[in-house]
Amino acid sequence: MRQKTWIYSPPKPKVPDAVKVELEAKATELVITVLKPEYVKPPPKNAKWNYIVDMFYKNMPEYPSALLGG
């Protein structure tokens, strides 16, 4: 049986609401102006599935360190 080991787990950083709002605005703008025109195309002829129909931004609150570059 393995011995248990103590591992330091620092608390998750709190992201200010102003940063969240700014990030959402920039991400939404990126999706609408760059990504959608580039990747969302009409479905090909005789295609039943496997084509992109929409893109959107979704906030992932369980990963706040990704927002802060950590």
Protein backbone atom coordinates (compact mmCIF):
# COMPACT_ATOMS: atom_id res chain seq x y z
CA MET A 1 0.00 0.00 0.00
CA ARG A 2 1.30 3.46 -0.87
CA GLN A 3 1.75 6.10 1.74
CA LYS A 4 -0.29 9.24 1.44
CA THR A 5 1.60 12.37 0.47
CA TRP A 6 0.69 15.93 1.31
CA ILE A 7 0.54 18.20 -1.76
CA TYR A 8 0.16 21.96 -1.56
CA SER A 9 -2.95 23.13 -3.38
CA PRO A 10 -3.15 26.94 -3.41
CA PRO A 11 -6.57 28.60 -3.50
CA LYS A 12 -7.92 29.47 -6.93
CA PRO A 13 -7.46 33.15 -7.85
CA LYS A 14 -10.54 35.34 -7.93
CA VAL A 15 -11.10 37.05 -11.28
CA PRO A 16 -12.60 40.53 -10.98
CA ASP A 17 -15.99 41.07 -12.61
CA ALA A 18 -14.57 43.85 -14.81
CA VAL A 19 -12.06 41.40 -16.30
CA LYS A 20 -14.80 38.84 -16.91
CA VAL A 21 -16.96 41.39 -18.73
CA GLU A 22 -14.03 42.61 -20.84
CA LEU A 23 -12.99 39.06 -21.71
CA GLU A 24 -16.52 38.10 -22.71
CA ALA A 25 -16.85 41.18 -24.94
CA LYS A 26 -13.52 40.54 -26.68
CA ALA A 27 -14.17 36.83 -27.11
CA THR A 28 -17.64 37.42 -28.52
CA GLU A 29 -16.27 40.03 -30.93
CA LEU A 30 -13.54 37.61 -32.06
CA VAL A 31 -16.05 34.84 -32.68
CA ILE A 32 -18.42 37.07 -34.63
CA THR A 33 -15.88 38.99 -36.71
CA VAL A 34 -13.16 36.40 -37.37
CA LEU A 35 -14.10 32.82 -36.55
CA LYS A 36 -17.68 32.61 -37.83
CA PRO A 37 -16.98 34.07 -41.28
CA GLU A 38 -13.92 31.84 -41.65
CA TYR A 39 -15.28 28.49 -40.43
CA VAL A 40 -19.09 28.51 -40.51
CA LYS A 41 -20.08 27.75 -44.08
CA PRO A 42 -23.32 26.48 -45.64
CA PRO A 43 -23.58 22.70 -45.50
CA PRO A 44 -22.13 20.86 -48.48
CA LYS A 45 -24.49 19.10 -50.87
CA ASN A 46 -25.62 15.64 -49.76
CA ALA A 47 -24.18 16.15 -46.27
CA LYS A 48 -26.10 14.60 -43.41
CA TRP A 49 -23.73 15.55 -40.59
CA ASN A 50 -20.22 16.69 -39.64
CA TYR A 51 -20.24 20.31 -40.65
CA ILE A 52 -20.01 23.46 -38.50
CA VAL A 53 -23.32 25.24 -38.03
CA ASP A 54 -22.47 27.77 -35.28
CA MET A 55 -19.76 29.06 -32.93
CA PHE A 56 -20.03 30.80 -29.60
CA TYR A 57 -18.04 31.77 -26.53
CA LYS A 58 -18.66 30.04 -23.23
CA ASN A 59 -17.10 31.09 -19.93
CA MET A 60 -15.49 28.23 -18.00
CA PRO A 61 -15.56 29.39 -14.35
CA GLU A 62 -13.79 26.27 -13.08
CA TYR A 63 -10.63 27.35 -14.94
CA PRO A 64 -9.95 30.93 -13.75
CA SER A 65 -6.17 30.54 -13.94
CA ALA A 66 -6.46 30.21 -17.73
CA LEU A 67 -7.87 33.74 -17.79
CA LEU A 68 -4.90 35.08 -15.85
CA GLY A 69 -2.27 33.31 -17.92
CA GLY A 70 -1.47 30.75 -15.23
